[in-house]
């Protein structure tokens, strides 16, 4: 099992907007156990969209769904304007 974390540092004043937008979009996706998190101790305005995949093949399928899921993409319109930087982490559960 893998955990995929998409980590964003929102522009000041936009963390709650970004978190809400990611949460709405995740509800329309096929992501397994999606969670939206905000960071208490790290970078200011950090927002994380986290979900689980069984393996790298399932992660690849999720990326393909993102490319073709119109409702998901509609919910994410303009989200890139809300953050300054982002990273992705793929972690293995032991």
PDB file of N, CA and C in Angstrom:
ATOM      1  N   UNK A   1       0.853  -1.175   0.000  1.00  0.00           N
ATOM      2  CA  UNK A   1       0.000   0.000   0.000  1.00  0.00           C
ATOM      3  C   UNK A   1       0.894   1.231   0.000  1.00  0.00           C
ATOM      4  N   UNK A   2       0.495   2.211  -0.795  1.00  0.00           N
ATOM      5  CA  UNK A   2       1.229   3.476  -0.895  1.00  0.00           C
ATOM      6  C   UNK A   2       0.319   4.627  -0.491  1.00  0.00           C
ATOM      7  N   UNK A   3       0.912   5.657   0.089  1.00  0.00           N
ATOM      8  CA  UNK A   3       0.205   6.902   0.387  1.00  0.00           C
ATOM      9  C   UNK A   3       0.785   7.965  -0.534  1.00  0.00           C
ATOM     10  N   UNK A   4      -0.099   8.636  -1.253  1.00  0.00           N
ATOM     11  CA  UNK A   4       0.312   9.710  -2.158  1.00  0.00           C
ATOM     12  C   UNK A   4      -0.077  11.027  -1.512  1.00  0.00           C
ATOM     13  N   UNK A   5       0.886  11.905  -1.348  1.00  0.00           N
ATOM     14  CA  UNK A   5       0.631  13.227  -0.766  1.00  0.00           C
ATOM     15  C   UNK A   5       1.000  14.294  -1.780  1.00  0.00           C
ATOM     16  N   UNK A   6       0.034  15.126  -2.110  1.00  0.00           N
ATOM     17  CA  UNK A   6       0.272  16.304  -2.933  1.00  0.00           C
ATOM     18  C   UNK A   6       0.275  17.487  -1.978  1.00  0.00           C
ATOM     19  N   UNK A   7       1.444  18.093  -1.796  1.00  0.00           N
ATOM     20  CA  UNK A   7       1.638  19.140  -0.798  1.00  0.00           C
ATOM     21  C   UNK A   7       1.759  20.497  -1.490  1.00  0.00           C
ATOM     22  N   UNK A   8       0.981  21.448  -1.017  1.00  0.00           N
ATOM     23  CA  UNK A   8       0.968  22.791  -1.598  1.00  0.00           C
ATOM     24  C   UNK A   8       1.247  23.813  -0.509  1.00  0.00           C
ATOM     25  N   UNK A   9       1.962  24.874  -0.855  1.00  0.00           N
ATOM     26  CA  UNK A   9       2.085  26.028   0.023  1.00  0.00           C
ATOM     27  C   UNK A   9       1.245  27.126  -0.620  1.00  0.00           C
ATOM     28  N   UNK A  10       0.116  27.400   0.040  1.00  0.00           N
ATOM     29  CA  UNK A  10      -0.839  28.367  -0.500  1.00  0.00           C
ATOM     30  C   UNK A  10      -0.319  29.793  -0.340  1.00  0.00           C
ATOM     31  N   UNK A  11      -0.789  30.648  -1.217  1.00  0.00           N
ATOM     32  CA  UNK A  11      -0.497  32.069  -1.076  1.00  0.00           C
ATOM     33  C   UNK A  11      -1.189  32.558   0.195  1.00  0.00           C
ATOM     34  N   UNK A  12      -0.617  33.570   0.872  1.00  0.00           N
ATOM     35  CA  UNK A  12      -1.247  34.068   2.095  1.00  0.00           C
ATOM     36  C   UNK A  12      -2.724  34.397   1.864  1.00  0.00           C
ATOM     37  N   UNK A  13      -3.547  33.928   2.799  1.00  0.00           N
ATOM     38  CA  UNK A  13      -4.984  34.179   2.722  1.00  0.00           C
ATOM     39  C   UNK A  13      -5.750  33.190   1.866  1.00  0.00           C
ATOM     40  N   UNK A  14      -5.066  32.222   1.260  1.00  0.00           N
ATOM     41  CA  UNK A  14      -5.729  31.289   0.347  1.00  0.00           C
ATOM     42  C   UNK A  14      -5.725  29.831   0.798  1.00  0.00           C
ATOM     43  N   UNK A  15      -5.149  29.530   1.957  1.00  0.00           N
ATOM     44  CA  UNK A  15      -5.062  28.135   2.393  1.00  0.00           C
ATOM     45  C   UNK A  15      -6.446  27.513   2.563  1.00  0.00           C
ATOM     46  N   UNK A  16      -7.368  28.215   3.196  1.00  0.00           N
ATOM     47  CA  UNK A  16      -8.703  27.642   3.407  1.00  0.00           C
ATOM     48  C   UNK A  16      -9.455  27.492   2.090  1.00  0.00           C
ATOM     49  N   UNK A  17      -9.261  28.424   1.164  1.00  0.00           N
ATOM     50  CA  UNK A  17      -9.898  28.308  -0.156  1.00  0.00           C
ATOM     51  C   UNK A  17      -9.353  27.099  -0.909  1.00  0.00           C
ATOM     52  N   UNK A  18      -8.034  26.931  -0.875  1.00  0.00           N
ATOM     53  CA  UNK A  18      -7.409  25.796  -1.548  1.00  0.00           C
ATOM     54  C   UNK A  18      -7.858  24.484  -0.919  1.00  0.00           C
ATOM     55  N   UNK A  19      -7.884  24.414   0.409  1.00  0.00           N
ATOM     56  CA  UNK A  19      -8.311  23.194   1.099  1.00  0.00           C
ATOM     57  C   UNK A  19      -9.745  22.835   0.724  1.00  0.00           C
ATOM     58  N   UNK A  20     -10.629  23.819   0.702  1.00  0.00           N
ATOM     59  CA  UNK A  20     -12.032  23.568   0.353  1.00  0.00           C
ATOM     60  C   UNK A  20     -12.152  23.090  -1.092  1.00  0.00           C
ATOM     61  N   UNK A  21     -11.408  23.694  -1.990  1.00  0.00           N
ATOM     62  CA  UNK A  21     -11.469  23.309  -3.398  1.00  0.00           C
ATOM     63  C   UNK A  21     -10.942  21.891  -3.596  1.00  0.00           C
ATOM     64  N   UNK A  22      -9.844  21.550  -2.932  1.00  0.00           N
ATOM     65  CA  UNK A  22      -9.299  20.198  -3.038  1.00  0.00           C
ATOM     66  C   UNK A  22     -10.269  19.165  -2.460  1.00  0.00           C
ATOM     67  N   UNK A  23     -10.920  19.505  -1.350  1.00  0.00           N
ATOM     68  CA  UNK A  23     -11.873  18.585  -0.723  1.00  0.00           C
ATOM     69  C   UNK A  23     -13.062  18.325  -1.646  1.00  0.00           C
ATOM     70  N   UNK A  24     -13.588  19.377  -2.268  1.00  0.00           N
ATOM     71  CA  UNK A  24     -14.709  19.218  -3.202  1.00  0.00           C
ATOM     72  C   UNK A  24     -14.299  18.389  -4.412  1.00  0.00           C
ATOM     73  N   UNK A  25     -13.122  18.636  -4.939  1.00  0.00           N
ATOM     74  CA  UNK A  25     -12.642  17.888  -6.106  1.00  0.00           C
ATOM     75  C   UNK A  25     -12.411  16.421  -5.755  1.00  0.00           C
ATOM     76  N   UNK A  26     -11.830  16.165  -4.596  1.00  0.00           N
ATOM     77  CA  UNK A  26     -11.554  14.782  -4.189  1.00  0.00           C
ATOM     78  C   UNK A  26     -12.851  13.983  -4.058  1.00  0.00           C
ATOM     79  N   UNK A  27     -13.922  14.646  -3.655  1.00  0.00           N
ATOM     80  CA  UNK A  27     -15.214  13.963  -3.517  1.00  0.00           C
ATOM     81  C   UNK A  27     -15.742  13.482  -4.873  1.00  0.00           C
ATOM     82  N   UNK A  28     -15.301  14.100  -5.951  1.00  0.00           N
ATOM     83  CA  UNK A  28     -15.743  13.731  -7.300  1.00  0.00           C
ATOM     84  C   UNK A  28     -14.777  12.773  -7.986  1.00  0.00           C
ATOM     85  N   UNK A  29     -13.714  12.432  -7.311  1.00  0.00           N
ATOM     86  CA  UNK A  29     -12.677  11.589  -7.918  1.00  0.00           C
ATOM     87  C   UNK A  29     -12.863  10.132  -7.529  1.00  0.00           C
ATOM     88  N   UNK A  30     -12.001   9.298  -8.094  1.00  0.00           N
ATOM     89  CA  UNK A  30     -11.978   7.885  -7.735  1.00  0.00           C
ATOM     90  C   UNK A  30     -10.854   7.597  -6.741  1.00  0.00           C
ATOM     91  N   UNK A  31     -10.366   8.639  -6.066  1.00  0.00           N
ATOM     92  CA  UNK A  31      -9.277   8.466  -5.117  1.00  0.00           C
ATOM     93  C   UNK A  31      -9.749   7.645  -3.922  1.00  0.00           C
ATOM     94  N   UNK A  32      -8.891   6.750  -3.466  1.00  0.00           N
ATOM     95  CA  UNK A  32      -9.201   5.925  -2.303  1.00  0.00           C
ATOM     96  C   UNK A  32      -8.792   6.662  -1.029  1.00  0.00           C
ATOM     97  N   UNK A  33      -9.715   6.785  -0.116  1.00  0.00           N
ATOM     98  CA  UNK A  33      -9.497   7.434   1.189  1.00  0.00           C
ATOM     99  C   UNK A  33      -8.863   8.820   1.059  1.00  0.00           C
ATOM    100  N   UNK A  34      -9.449   9.706   0.260  1.00  0.00           N
ATOM    101  CA  UNK A  34      -8.853  11.039   0.151  1.00  0.00           C
ATOM    102  C   UNK A  34      -8.998  11.810   1.458  1.00  0.00           C
ATOM    103  N   UNK A  35      -7.959  12.559   1.795  1.00  0.00           N
ATOM    104  CA  UNK A  35      -7.968  13.413   2.975  1.00  0.00           C
ATOM    105  C   UNK A  35      -7.320  14.739   2.598  1.00  0.00           C
ATOM    106  N   UNK A  36      -7.879  15.813   3.122  1.00  0.00           N
ATOM    107  CA  UNK A  36      -7.263  17.130   2.961  1.00  0.00           C
ATOM    108  C   UNK A  36      -6.788  17.550   4.342  1.00  0.00           C
ATOM    109  N   UNK A  37      -5.520  17.907   4.419  1.00  0.00           N
ATOM    110  CA  UNK A  37      -4.887  18.245   5.692  1.00  0.00           C
ATOM    111  C   UNK A  37      -4.295  19.651   5.616  1.00  0.00           C
ATOM    112  N   UNK A  38      -4.243  20.320   6.756  1.00  0.00           N
ATOM    113  CA  UNK A  38      -3.507  21.581   6.846  1.00  0.00           C
ATOM    114  C   UNK A  38      -2.429  21.398   7.906  1.00  0.00           C
ATOM    115  N   UNK A  39      -1.326  22.050   7.723  1.00  0.00           N
ATOM    116  CA  UNK A  39      -0.146  21.856   8.552  1.00  0.00           C
ATOM    117  C   UNK A  39      -0.137  22.845   9.718  1.00  0.00           C
ATOM    118  N   UNK A  40      -0.006  22.324  10.944  1.00  0.00           N
ATOM    119  CA  UNK A  40       0.083  23.175  12.136  1.00  0.00           C
ATOM    120  C   UNK A  40       1.509  23.645  12.411  1.00  0.00           C
ATOM    121  N   UNK A  41       2.506  22.842  12.017  1.00  0.00           N
ATOM    122  CA  UNK A  41       3.862  23.126  12.474  1.00  0.00           C
ATOM    123  C   UNK A  41       4.874  23.392  11.368  1.00  0.00           C
ATOM    124  N   UNK A  42       4.575  23.050  10.139  1.00  0.00           N
ATOM    125  CA  UNK A  42       5.545  23.208   9.048  1.00  0.00           C
ATOM    126  C   UNK A  42       5.428  24.569   8.398  1.00  0.00           C
ATOM    127  N   UNK A  43       5.567  24.554   7.077  1.00  0.00           N
ATOM    128  CA  UNK A  43       5.443  25.797   6.319  1.00  0.00           C
ATOM    129  C   UNK A  43       4.077  26.432   6.565  1.00  0.00           C
ATOM    130  N   UNK A  44       4.049  27.740   6.640  1.00  0.00           N
ATOM    131  CA  UNK A  44       2.773  28.437   6.759  1.00  0.00           C
ATOM    132  C   UNK A  44       1.937  28.170   5.511  1.00  0.00           C
ATOM    133  N   UNK A  45       0.634  28.086   5.686  1.00  0.00           N
ATOM    134  CA  UNK A  45      -0.316  27.946   4.574  1.00  0.00           C
ATOM    135  C   UNK A  45      -0.139  26.648   3.789  1.00  0.00           C
ATOM    136  N   UNK A  46       0.344  25.607   4.433  1.00  0.00           N
ATOM    137  CA  UNK A  46       0.556  24.321   3.752  1.00  0.00           C
ATOM    138  C   UNK A  46      -0.746  23.510   3.767  1.00  0.00           C
ATOM    139  N   UNK A  47      -1.125  23.032   2.586  1.00  0.00           N
ATOM    140  CA  UNK A  47      -2.333  22.229   2.398  1.00  0.00           C
ATOM    141  C   UNK A  47      -1.930  20.939   1.690  1.00  0.00           C
ATOM    142  N   UNK A  48      -2.442  19.812   2.161  1.00  0.00           N
ATOM    143  CA  UNK A  48      -2.051  18.514   1.619  1.00  0.00           C
ATOM    144  C   UNK A  48      -3.288  17.735   1.197  1.00  0.00           C
ATOM    145  N   UNK A  49      -3.255  17.212  -0.004  1.00  0.00           N
ATOM    146  CA  UNK A  49      -4.262  16.255  -0.471  1.00  0.00           C
ATOM    147  C   UNK A  49      -3.590  14.895  -0.459  1.00  0.00           C
ATOM    148  N   UNK A  50      -4.107  13.997   0.358  1.00  0.00           N
ATOM    149  CA  UNK A  50      -3.499  12.687   0.545  1.00  0.00           C
ATOM    150  C   UNK A  50      -4.504  11.607   0.170  1.00  0.00           C
ATOM    151  N   UNK A  51      -4.025  10.536  -0.456  1.00  0.00           N
ATOM    152  CA  UNK A  51      -4.878   9.387  -0.753  1.00  0.00           C
ATOM    153  C   UNK A  51      -4.018   8.136  -0.833  1.00  0.00           C
ATOM    154  N   UNK A  52      -4.689   6.986  -0.834  1.00  0.00           N
ATOM    155  CA  UNK A  52      -3.977   5.715  -0.855  1.00  0.00           C
ATOM    156  C   UNK A  52      -4.128   5.036  -2.208  1.00  0.00           C
ATOM    157  N   UNK A  53      -3.101   4.311  -2.596  1.00  0.00           N
ATOM    158  CA  UNK A  53      -3.146   3.450  -3.781  1.00  0.00           C
ATOM    159  C   UNK A  53      -2.506   2.126  -3.409  1.00  0.00           C
ATOM    160  N   UNK A  54      -2.942   1.072  -4.062  1.00  0.00           N
ATOM    161  CA  UNK A  54      -2.393  -0.252  -3.780  1.00  0.00           C
ATOM    162  C   UNK A  54      -0.963  -0.374  -4.312  1.00  0.00           C
ATOM    163  N   UNK A  55      -0.714   0.232  -5.489  1.00  0.00           N
ATOM    164  CA  UNK A  55       0.596   0.108  -6.133  1.00  0.00           C
ATOM    165  C   UNK A  55       0.772   1.245  -7.136  1.00  0.00           C
ATOM    166  N   UNK A  56       1.900   1.269  -7.796  1.00  0.00           N
ATOM    167  CA  UNK A  56       2.204   2.343  -8.749  1.00  0.00           C
ATOM    168  C   UNK A  56       1.232   2.312  -9.937  1.00  0.00           C
ATOM    169  N   UNK A  57       0.769   1.129 -10.322  1.00  0.00           N
ATOM    170  CA  UNK A  57      -0.197   1.017 -11.409  1.00  0.00           C
ATOM    171  C   UNK A  57      -1.501   1.725 -11.080  1.00  0.00           C
ATOM    172  N   UNK A  58      -1.952   1.601  -9.840  1.00  0.00           N
ATOM    173  CA  UNK A  58      -3.172   2.299  -9.424  1.00  0.00           C
ATOM    174  C   UNK A  58      -2.947   3.810  -9.399  1.00  0.00           C
ATOM    175  N   UNK A  59      -1.734   4.236  -9.016  1.00  0.00           N
ATOM    176  CA  UNK A  59      -1.398   5.663  -9.055  1.00  0.00           C
ATOM    177  C   UNK A  59      -1.465   6.177 -10.490  1.00  0.00           C
ATOM    178  N   UNK A  60      -0.931   5.408 -11.419  1.00  0.00           N
ATOM    179  CA  UNK A  60      -0.979   5.778 -12.834  1.00  0.00           C
ATOM    180  C   UNK A  60      -2.420   5.876 -13.317  1.00  0.00           C
ATOM    181  N   UNK A  61      -3.276   4.951 -12.893  1.00  0.00           N
ATOM    182  CA  UNK A  61      -4.694   4.992 -13.271  1.00  0.00           C
ATOM    183  C   UNK A  61      -5.364   6.244 -12.709  1.00  0.00           C
ATOM    184  N   UNK A  62      -4.978   6.650 -11.492  1.00  0.00           N
ATOM    185  CA  UNK A  62      -5.538   7.873 -10.900  1.00  0.00           C
ATOM    186  C   UNK A  62      -5.135   9.100 -11.715  1.00  0.00           C
ATOM    187  N   UNK A  63      -3.896   9.135 -12.196  1.00  0.00           N
ATOM    188  CA  UNK A  63      -3.460  10.250 -13.039  1.00  0.00           C
ATOM    189  C   UNK A  63      -4.239  10.290 -14.351  1.00  0.00           C
ATOM    190  N   UNK A  64      -4.500   9.119 -14.921  1.00  0.00           N
ATOM    191  CA  UNK A  64      -5.284   9.058 -16.153  1.00  0.00           C
ATOM    192  C   UNK A  64      -6.724   9.492 -15.912  1.00  0.00           C
ATOM    193  N   UNK A  65      -7.283   9.121 -14.746  1.00  0.00           N
ATOM    194  CA  UNK A  65      -8.644   9.564 -14.408  1.00  0.00           C
ATOM    195  C   UNK A  65      -8.679  11.078 -14.298  1.00  0.00           C
ATOM    196  N   UNK A  66      -7.662  11.668 -13.667  1.00  0.00           N
ATOM    197  CA  UNK A  66      -7.586  13.121 -13.548  1.00  0.00           C
ATOM    198  C   UNK A  66      -7.630  13.779 -14.932  1.00  0.00           C
ATOM    199  N   UNK A  67      -6.940  13.188 -15.884  1.00  0.00           N
ATOM    200  CA  UNK A  67      -6.870  13.758 -17.230  1.00  0.00           C
ATOM    201  C   UNK A  67      -8.200  13.667 -17.976  1.00  0.00           C
ATOM    202  N   UNK A  68      -9.070  12.730 -17.585  1.00  0.00           N
ATOM    203  CA  UNK A  68     -10.306  12.513 -18.340  1.00  0.00           C
ATOM    204  C   UNK A  68     -11.579  12.801 -17.539  1.00  0.00           C
ATOM    205  N   UNK A  69     -11.478  13.032 -16.238  1.00  0.00           N
ATOM    206  CA  UNK A  69     -12.646  13.260 -15.388  1.00  0.00           C
ATOM    207  C   UNK A  69     -13.006  14.745 -15.418  1.00  0.00           C
ATOM    208  N   UNK A  70     -13.984  15.084 -16.250  1.00  0.00           N
ATOM    209  CA  UNK A  70     -14.347  16.491 -16.462  1.00  0.00           C
ATOM    210  C   UNK A  70     -14.857  17.159 -15.187  1.00  0.00           C
ATOM    211  N   UNK A  71     -15.647  16.458 -14.388  1.00  0.00           N
ATOM    212  CA  UNK A  71     -16.191  17.039 -13.156  1.00  0.00           C
ATOM    213  C   UNK A  71     -15.062  17.364 -12.178  1.00  0.00           C
ATOM    214  N   UNK A  72     -14.091  16.460 -12.059  1.00  0.00           N
ATOM    215  CA  UNK A  72     -12.944  16.666 -11.181  1.00  0.00           C
ATOM    216  C   UNK A  72     -12.132  17.867 -11.649  1.00  0.00           C
ATOM    217  N   UNK A  73     -11.869  17.916 -12.937  1.00  0.00           N
ATOM    218  CA  UNK A  73     -11.081  19.027 -13.490  1.00  0.00           C
ATOM    219  C   UNK A  73     -11.810  20.359 -13.348  1.00  0.00           C
ATOM    220  N   UNK A  74     -13.137  20.344 -13.501  1.00  0.00           N
ATOM    221  CA  UNK A  74     -13.921  21.571 -13.323  1.00  0.00           C
ATOM    222  C   UNK A  74     -13.794  22.111 -11.897  1.00  0.00           C
ATOM    223  N   UNK A  75     -13.852  21.208 -10.910  1.00  0.00           N
ATOM    224  CA  UNK A  75     -13.730  21.628  -9.507  1.00  0.00           C
ATOM    225  C   UNK A  75     -12.349  22.203  -9.209  1.00  0.00           C
ATOM    226  N   UNK A  76     -11.350  21.800  -9.987  1.00  0.00           N
ATOM    227  CA  UNK A  76      -9.987  22.277  -9.750  1.00  0.00           C
ATOM    228  C   UNK A  76      -9.622  23.526 -10.558  1.00  0.00           C
ATOM    229  N   UNK A  77     -10.550  24.013 -11.373  1.00  0.00           N
ATOM    230  CA  UNK A  77     -10.231  25.212 -12.171  1.00  0.00           C
ATOM    231  C   UNK A  77      -9.786  26.352 -11.264  1.00  0.00           C
ATOM    232  N   UNK A  78      -8.652  26.915 -11.604  1.00  0.00           N
ATOM    233  CA  UNK A  78      -8.126  28.064 -10.874  1.00  0.00           C
ATOM    234  C   UNK A  78      -7.345  27.718  -9.614  1.00  0.00           C
ATOM    235  N   UNK A  79      -7.251  26.433  -9.256  1.00  0.00           N
ATOM    236  CA  UNK A  79      -6.556  26.093  -8.010  1.00  0.00           C
ATOM    237  C   UNK A  79      -5.078  26.469  -8.060  1.00  0.00           C
ATOM    238  N   UNK A  80      -4.476  26.452  -9.236  1.00  0.00           N
ATOM    239  CA  UNK A  80      -3.057  26.788  -9.356  1.00  0.00           C
ATOM    240  C   UNK A  80      -2.789  28.254  -9.011  1.00  0.00           C
ATOM    241  N   UNK A  81      -3.813  29.081  -9.068  1.00  0.00           N
ATOM    242  CA  UNK A  81      -3.658  30.490  -8.697  1.00  0.00           C
ATOM    243  C   UNK A  81      -3.607  30.675  -7.183  1.00  0.00           C
ATOM    244  N   UNK A  82      -3.949  29.622  -6.421  1.00  0.00           N
ATOM    245  CA  UNK A  82      -4.041  29.731  -4.965  1.00  0.00           C
ATOM    246  C   UNK A  82      -2.766  29.322  -4.233  1.00  0.00           C
ATOM    247  N   UNK A  83      -1.787  28.745  -4.938  1.00  0.00           N
ATOM    248  CA  UNK A  83      -0.571  28.300  -4.248  1.00  0.00           C
ATOM    249  C   UNK A  83       0.679  28.791  -4.967  1.00  0.00           C
ATOM    250  N   UNK A  84       1.783  28.783  -4.213  1.00  0.00           N
ATOM    251  CA  UNK A  84       3.054  29.247  -4.774  1.00  0.00           C
ATOM    252  C   UNK A  84       3.948  28.096  -5.206  1.00  0.00           C
ATOM    253  N   UNK A  85       3.866  26.974  -4.514  1.00  0.00           N
ATOM    254  CA  UNK A  85       4.699  25.823  -4.842  1.00  0.00           C
ATOM    255  C   UNK A  85       4.009  24.544  -4.387  1.00  0.00           C
ATOM    256  N   UNK A  86       4.449  23.440  -4.956  1.00  0.00           N
ATOM    257  CA  UNK A  86       3.874  22.160  -4.570  1.00  0.00           C
ATOM    258  C   UNK A  86       4.848  21.025  -4.818  1.00  0.00           C
ATOM    259  N   UNK A  87       4.653  19.950  -4.083  1.00  0.00           N
ATOM    260  CA  UNK A  87       5.467  18.748  -4.244  1.00  0.00           C
ATOM    261  C   UNK A  87       4.564  17.528  -4.110  1.00  0.00           C
ATOM    262  N   UNK A  88       5.072  16.398  -4.555  1.00  0.00           N
ATOM    263  CA  UNK A  88       4.360  15.139  -4.380  1.00  0.00           C
ATOM    264  C   UNK A  88       5.277  14.159  -3.664  1.00  0.00           C
ATOM    265  N   UNK A  89       4.711  13.472  -2.691  1.00  0.00           N
ATOM    266  CA  UNK A  89       5.420  12.427  -1.967  1.00  0.00           C
ATOM    267  C   UNK A  89       4.643  11.131  -2.177  1.00  0.00           C
ATOM    268  N   UNK A  90       5.353  10.039  -2.419  1.00  0.00           N
ATOM    269  CA  UNK A  90       4.725   8.715  -2.496  1.00  0.00           C
ATOM    270  C   UNK A  90       5.449   7.870  -1.447  1.00  0.00           C
ATOM    271  N   UNK A  91       4.698   7.470  -0.421  1.00  0.00           N
ATOM    272  CA  UNK A  91       5.258   6.773   0.717  1.00  0.00           C
ATOM    273  C   UNK A  91       4.703   5.369   0.816  1.00  0.00           C
ATOM    274  N   UNK A  92       5.525   4.429   1.227  1.00  0.00           N
ATOM    275  CA  UNK A  92       5.085   3.046   1.368  1.00  0.00           C
ATOM    276  C   UNK A  92       4.674   2.787   2.809  1.00  0.00           C
ATOM    277  N   UNK A  93       3.471   2.218   2.978  1.00  0.00           N
ATOM    278  CA  UNK A  93       3.021   1.797   4.302  1.00  0.00           C
ATOM    279  C   UNK A  93       3.636   0.455   4.631  1.00  0.00           C
ATOM    280  N   UNK A  94       4.174   0.313   5.814  1.00  0.00           N
ATOM    281  CA  UNK A  94       4.771  -0.959   6.230  1.00  0.00           C
ATOM    282  C   UNK A  94       3.926  -1.619   7.289  1.00  0.00           C
TER     283      UNK A  94
END
